[in-house]
Protein backbone atom coordinates (compact mmCIF):
# COMPACT_ATOMS: atom_id res chain seq x y z
CA UNK A 1 0.00 0.00 0.00
CA UNK A 2 2.72 2.45 1.00
CA UNK A 3 4.81 1.56 -2.04
CA UNK A 4 1.99 2.35 -4.48
CA UNK A 5 1.19 5.62 -2.67
CA UNK A 6 4.83 6.67 -2.90
CA UNK A 7 4.92 5.87 -6.62
CA UNK A 8 1.72 7.82 -7.28
CA UNK A 9 2.95 10.88 -5.38
CA UNK A 10 6.37 11.07 -7.02
CA UNK A 11 5.33 12.30 -10.53
CA UNK A 12 3.18 15.12 -9.10
CA UNK A 13 6.05 16.25 -6.84
CA UNK A 14 8.44 16.22 -9.78
CA UNK A 15 5.99 18.21 -11.94
CA UNK A 16 5.48 20.72 -9.10
CA UNK A 17 9.24 21.15 -8.76
CA UNK A 18 9.61 21.52 -12.55
CA UNK A 19 6.80 24.12 -12.61
CA UNK A 20 8.53 26.09 -9.85
CA UNK A 21 11.84 25.86 -11.72
CA UNK A 22 10.26 27.21 -14.92
CA UNK A 23 8.82 30.19 -12.99
CA UNK A 24 12.23 30.92 -11.45
CA UNK A 25 13.95 30.72 -14.85
CA UNK A 26 11.32 32.97 -16.42
CA UNK A 27 11.71 35.54 -13.60
CA UNK A 28 15.48 35.47 -14.11
CA UNK A 29 15.09 36.05 -17.85
CA UNK A 30 12.80 39.02 -17.20
CA UNK A 31 15.18 40.35 -14.57
CA UNK A 32 18.22 40.27 -16.83
CA UNK A 33 16.22 41.03 -20.01
CA UNK A 34 18.70 38.91 -21.91
CA UNK A 35 17.52 37.73 -25.33
CA UNK A 36 19.99 34.86 -25.27
CA UNK A 37 18.79 33.71 -21.85
CA UNK A 38 15.16 33.82 -23.01
CA UNK A 39 16.08 31.80 -26.12
CA UNK A 40 17.81 29.19 -23.97
CA UNK A 41 14.80 28.92 -21.68
CA UNK A 42 12.38 28.63 -24.59
CA UNK A 43 14.48 25.82 -26.06
CA UNK A 44 14.47 24.05 -22.69
CA UNK A 45 10.71 24.40 -22.28
CA UNK A 46 9.83 23.01 -25.71
PDB file of N, CA and C in Angstrom:
ATOM      1  N   UNK A   1       0.846  -1.205   0.000  1.00  0.00           N
ATOM      2  CA  UNK A   1       0.000   0.000   0.000  1.00  0.00           C
ATOM      3  C   UNK A   1       0.880   1.253   0.000  1.00  0.00           C
ATOM      4  N   UNK A   2       1.836   1.294   0.897  1.00  0.00           N
ATOM      5  CA  UNK A   2       2.724   2.455   1.002  1.00  0.00           C
ATOM      6  C   UNK A   2       3.546   2.630  -0.265  1.00  0.00           C
ATOM      7  N   UNK A   3       3.985   1.501  -0.825  1.00  0.00           N
ATOM      8  CA  UNK A   3       4.807   1.560  -2.037  1.00  0.00           C
ATOM      9  C   UNK A   3       4.045   2.196  -3.198  1.00  0.00           C
ATOM     10  N   UNK A   4       2.782   1.804  -3.377  1.00  0.00           N
ATOM     11  CA  UNK A   4       1.993   2.354  -4.481  1.00  0.00           C
ATOM     12  C   UNK A   4       1.696   3.832  -4.240  1.00  0.00           C
ATOM     13  N   UNK A   5       1.452   4.212  -2.990  1.00  0.00           N
ATOM     14  CA  UNK A   5       1.195   5.617  -2.669  1.00  0.00           C
ATOM     15  C   UNK A   5       2.424   6.457  -2.998  1.00  0.00           C
ATOM     16  N   UNK A   6       3.587   5.947  -2.653  1.00  0.00           N
ATOM     17  CA  UNK A   6       4.828   6.667  -2.898  1.00  0.00           C
ATOM     18  C   UNK A   6       5.033   6.857  -4.402  1.00  0.00           C
ATOM     19  N   UNK A   7       4.752   5.800  -5.171  1.00  0.00           N
ATOM     20  CA  UNK A   7       4.919   5.866  -6.623  1.00  0.00           C
ATOM     21  C   UNK A   7       3.944   6.866  -7.235  1.00  0.00           C
ATOM     22  N   UNK A   8       2.729   6.906  -6.727  1.00  0.00           N
ATOM     23  CA  UNK A   8       1.721   7.818  -7.276  1.00  0.00           C
ATOM     24  C   UNK A   8       2.028   9.276  -6.932  1.00  0.00           C
ATOM     25  N   UNK A   9       2.666   9.516  -5.796  1.00  0.00           N
ATOM     26  CA  UNK A   9       2.955  10.881  -5.376  1.00  0.00           C
ATOM     27  C   UNK A   9       4.189  11.451  -6.060  1.00  0.00           C
ATOM     28  N   UNK A  10       5.109  10.593  -6.471  1.00  0.00           N
ATOM     29  CA  UNK A  10       6.374  11.071  -7.017  1.00  0.00           C
ATOM     30  C   UNK A  10       6.211  11.916  -8.284  1.00  0.00           C
ATOM     31  N   UNK A  11       5.447  11.493  -9.306  1.00  0.00           N
ATOM     32  CA  UNK A  11       5.326  12.299 -10.532  1.00  0.00           C
ATOM     33  C   UNK A  11       4.771  13.689 -10.262  1.00  0.00           C
ATOM     34  N   UNK A  12       3.774  13.808  -9.375  1.00  0.00           N
ATOM     35  CA  UNK A  12       3.183  15.117  -9.096  1.00  0.00           C
ATOM     36  C   UNK A  12       4.206  16.013  -8.401  1.00  0.00           C
ATOM     37  N   UNK A  13       5.022  15.446  -7.518  1.00  0.00           N
ATOM     38  CA  UNK A  13       6.046  16.245  -6.837  1.00  0.00           C
ATOM     39  C   UNK A  13       7.092  16.720  -7.828  1.00  0.00           C
ATOM     40  N   UNK A  14       7.454  15.851  -8.770  1.00  0.00           N
ATOM     41  CA  UNK A  14       8.439  16.221  -9.783  1.00  0.00           C
ATOM     42  C   UNK A  14       7.870  17.332 -10.667  1.00  0.00           C
ATOM     43  N   UNK A  15       6.608  17.204 -11.079  1.00  0.00           N
ATOM     44  CA  UNK A  15       5.993  18.214 -11.941  1.00  0.00           C
ATOM     45  C   UNK A  15       5.859  19.537 -11.193  1.00  0.00           C
ATOM     46  N   UNK A  16       5.566  19.497  -9.896  1.00  0.00           N
ATOM     47  CA  UNK A  16       5.483  20.723  -9.097  1.00  0.00           C
ATOM     48  C   UNK A  16       6.847  21.395  -9.037  1.00  0.00           C
ATOM     49  N   UNK A  17       7.893  20.602  -8.820  1.00  0.00           N
ATOM     50  CA  UNK A  17       9.242  21.154  -8.760  1.00  0.00           C
ATOM     51  C   UNK A  17       9.646  21.734 -10.113  1.00  0.00           C
ATOM     52  N   UNK A  18       9.297  21.048 -11.194  1.00  0.00           N
ATOM     53  CA  UNK A  18       9.613  21.519 -12.548  1.00  0.00           C
ATOM     54  C   UNK A  18       8.858  22.815 -12.828  1.00  0.00           C
ATOM     55  N   UNK A  19       7.586  22.899 -12.422  1.00  0.00           N
ATOM     56  CA  UNK A  19       6.804  24.124 -12.612  1.00  0.00           C
ATOM     57  C   UNK A  19       7.428  25.290 -11.869  1.00  0.00           C
ATOM     58  N   UNK A  20       7.875  25.047 -10.637  1.00  0.00           N
ATOM     59  CA  UNK A  20       8.535  26.095  -9.854  1.00  0.00           C
ATOM     60  C   UNK A  20       9.824  26.517 -10.529  1.00  0.00           C
ATOM     61  N   UNK A  21      10.575  25.553 -11.034  1.00  0.00           N
ATOM     62  CA  UNK A  21      11.836  25.860 -11.720  1.00  0.00           C
ATOM     63  C   UNK A  21      11.615  26.715 -12.953  1.00  0.00           C
ATOM     64  N   UNK A  22      10.546  26.419 -13.721  1.00  0.00           N
ATOM     65  CA  UNK A  22      10.259  27.213 -14.918  1.00  0.00           C
ATOM     66  C   UNK A  22       9.927  28.648 -14.535  1.00  0.00           C
ATOM     67  N   UNK A  23       9.173  28.842 -13.442  1.00  0.00           N
ATOM     68  CA  UNK A  23       8.818  30.191 -12.991  1.00  0.00           C
ATOM     69  C   UNK A  23      10.075  30.952 -12.588  1.00  0.00           C
ATOM     70  N   UNK A  24      10.986  30.281 -11.872  1.00  0.00           N
ATOM     71  CA  UNK A  24      12.234  30.916 -11.451  1.00  0.00           C
ATOM     72  C   UNK A  24      13.058  31.308 -12.664  1.00  0.00           C
ATOM     73  N   UNK A  25      13.175  30.418 -13.639  1.00  0.00           N
ATOM     74  CA  UNK A  25      13.950  30.716 -14.845  1.00  0.00           C
ATOM     75  C   UNK A  25      13.335  31.885 -15.600  1.00  0.00           C
ATOM     76  N   UNK A  26      12.003  31.896 -15.697  1.00  0.00           N
ATOM     77  CA  UNK A  26      11.319  32.972 -16.423  1.00  0.00           C
ATOM     78  C   UNK A  26      11.548  34.305 -15.712  1.00  0.00           C
ATOM     79  N   UNK A  27      11.465  34.318 -14.363  1.00  0.00           N
ATOM     80  CA  UNK A  27      11.706  35.545 -13.604  1.00  0.00           C
ATOM     81  C   UNK A  27      13.135  36.022 -13.812  1.00  0.00           C
ATOM     82  N   UNK A  28      14.089  35.109 -13.868  1.00  0.00           N
ATOM     83  CA  UNK A  28      15.485  35.471 -14.105  1.00  0.00           C
ATOM     84  C   UNK A  28      15.642  36.092 -15.486  1.00  0.00           C
ATOM     85  N   UNK A  29      14.973  35.521 -16.488  1.00  0.00           N
ATOM     86  CA  UNK A  29      15.088  36.049 -17.850  1.00  0.00           C
ATOM     87  C   UNK A  29      14.497  37.451 -17.920  1.00  0.00           C
ATOM     88  N   UNK A  30      13.397  37.686 -17.204  1.00  0.00           N
ATOM     89  CA  UNK A  30      12.802  39.019 -17.195  1.00  0.00           C
ATOM     90  C   UNK A  30      13.704  39.996 -16.439  1.00  0.00           C
ATOM     91  N   UNK A  31      14.320  39.504 -15.385  1.00  0.00           N
ATOM     92  CA  UNK A  31      15.180  40.354 -14.567  1.00  0.00           C
ATOM     93  C   UNK A  31      16.379  40.841 -15.367  1.00  0.00           C
ATOM     94  N   UNK A  32      17.018  39.916 -16.069  1.00  0.00           N
ATOM     95  CA  UNK A  32      18.220  40.275 -16.830  1.00  0.00           C
ATOM     96  C   UNK A  32      17.886  40.835 -18.215  1.00  0.00           C
ATOM     97  N   UNK A  33      16.637  40.579 -18.675  1.00  0.00           N
ATOM     98  CA  UNK A  33      16.215  41.028 -20.008  1.00  0.00           C
ATOM     99  C   UNK A  33      17.248  40.647 -21.070  1.00  0.00           C
ATOM    100  N   UNK A  34      17.695  39.412 -20.968  1.00  0.00           N
ATOM    101  CA  UNK A  34      18.698  38.915 -21.910  1.00  0.00           C
ATOM    102  C   UNK A  34      18.013  38.069 -22.973  1.00  0.00           C
ATOM    103  N   UNK A  35      18.136  38.486 -24.243  1.00  0.00           N
ATOM    104  CA  UNK A  35      17.519  37.727 -25.335  1.00  0.00           C
ATOM    105  C   UNK A  35      18.085  36.309 -25.392  1.00  0.00           C
ATOM    106  N   UNK A  36      19.381  36.187 -25.190  1.00  0.00           N
ATOM    107  CA  UNK A  36      19.995  34.864 -25.273  1.00  0.00           C
ATOM    108  C   UNK A  36      19.469  33.969 -24.158  1.00  0.00           C
ATOM    109  N   UNK A  37      19.284  34.506 -22.960  1.00  0.00           N
ATOM    110  CA  UNK A  37      18.789  33.706 -21.847  1.00  0.00           C
ATOM    111  C   UNK A  37      17.358  33.260 -22.130  1.00  0.00           C
ATOM    112  N   UNK A  38      16.546  34.170 -22.687  1.00  0.00           N
ATOM    113  CA  UNK A  38      15.164  33.819 -23.013  1.00  0.00           C
ATOM    114  C   UNK A  38      15.142  32.722 -24.074  1.00  0.00           C
ATOM    115  N   UNK A  39      16.016  32.831 -25.078  1.00  0.00           N
ATOM    116  CA  UNK A  39      16.079  31.799 -26.125  1.00  0.00           C
ATOM    117  C   UNK A  39      16.435  30.450 -25.518  1.00  0.00           C
ATOM    118  N   UNK A  40      17.399  30.445 -24.613  1.00  0.00           N
ATOM    119  CA  UNK A  40      17.814  29.191 -23.975  1.00  0.00           C
ATOM    120  C   UNK A  40      16.654  28.586 -23.197  1.00  0.00           C
ATOM    121  N   UNK A  41      15.933  29.418 -22.468  1.00  0.00           N
ATOM    122  CA  UNK A  41      14.805  28.924 -21.677  1.00  0.00           C
ATOM    123  C   UNK A  41      13.715  28.379 -22.598  1.00  0.00           C
ATOM    124  N   UNK A  42      13.419  29.110 -23.671  1.00  0.00           N
ATOM    125  CA  UNK A  42      12.380  28.635 -24.588  1.00  0.00           C
ATOM    126  C   UNK A  42      12.762  27.282 -25.177  1.00  0.00           C
ATOM    127  N   UNK A  43      14.035  27.105 -25.520  1.00  0.00           N
ATOM    128  CA  UNK A  43      14.483  25.819 -26.061  1.00  0.00           C
ATOM    129  C   UNK A  43      14.313  24.717 -25.023  1.00  0.00           C
ATOM    130  N   UNK A  44      14.590  25.040 -23.752  1.00  0.00           N
ATOM    131  CA  UNK A  44      14.474  24.045 -22.694  1.00  0.00           C
ATOM    132  C   UNK A  44      13.026  23.693 -22.392  1.00  0.00           C
ATOM    133  N   UNK A  45      12.118  24.645 -22.592  1.00  0.00           N
ATOM    134  CA  UNK A  45      10.710  24.395 -22.275  1.00  0.00           C
ATOM    135  C   UNK A  45      10.016  23.610 -23.373  1.00  0.00           C
ATOM    136  N   UNK A  46      10.490  23.696 -24.591  1.00  0.00           N
ATOM    137  CA  UNK A  46       9.828  23.011 -25.706  1.00  0.00           C
ATOM    138  C   UNK A  46      10.045  21.504 -25.603  1.00  0.00           C
TER     139      UNK A  46
END
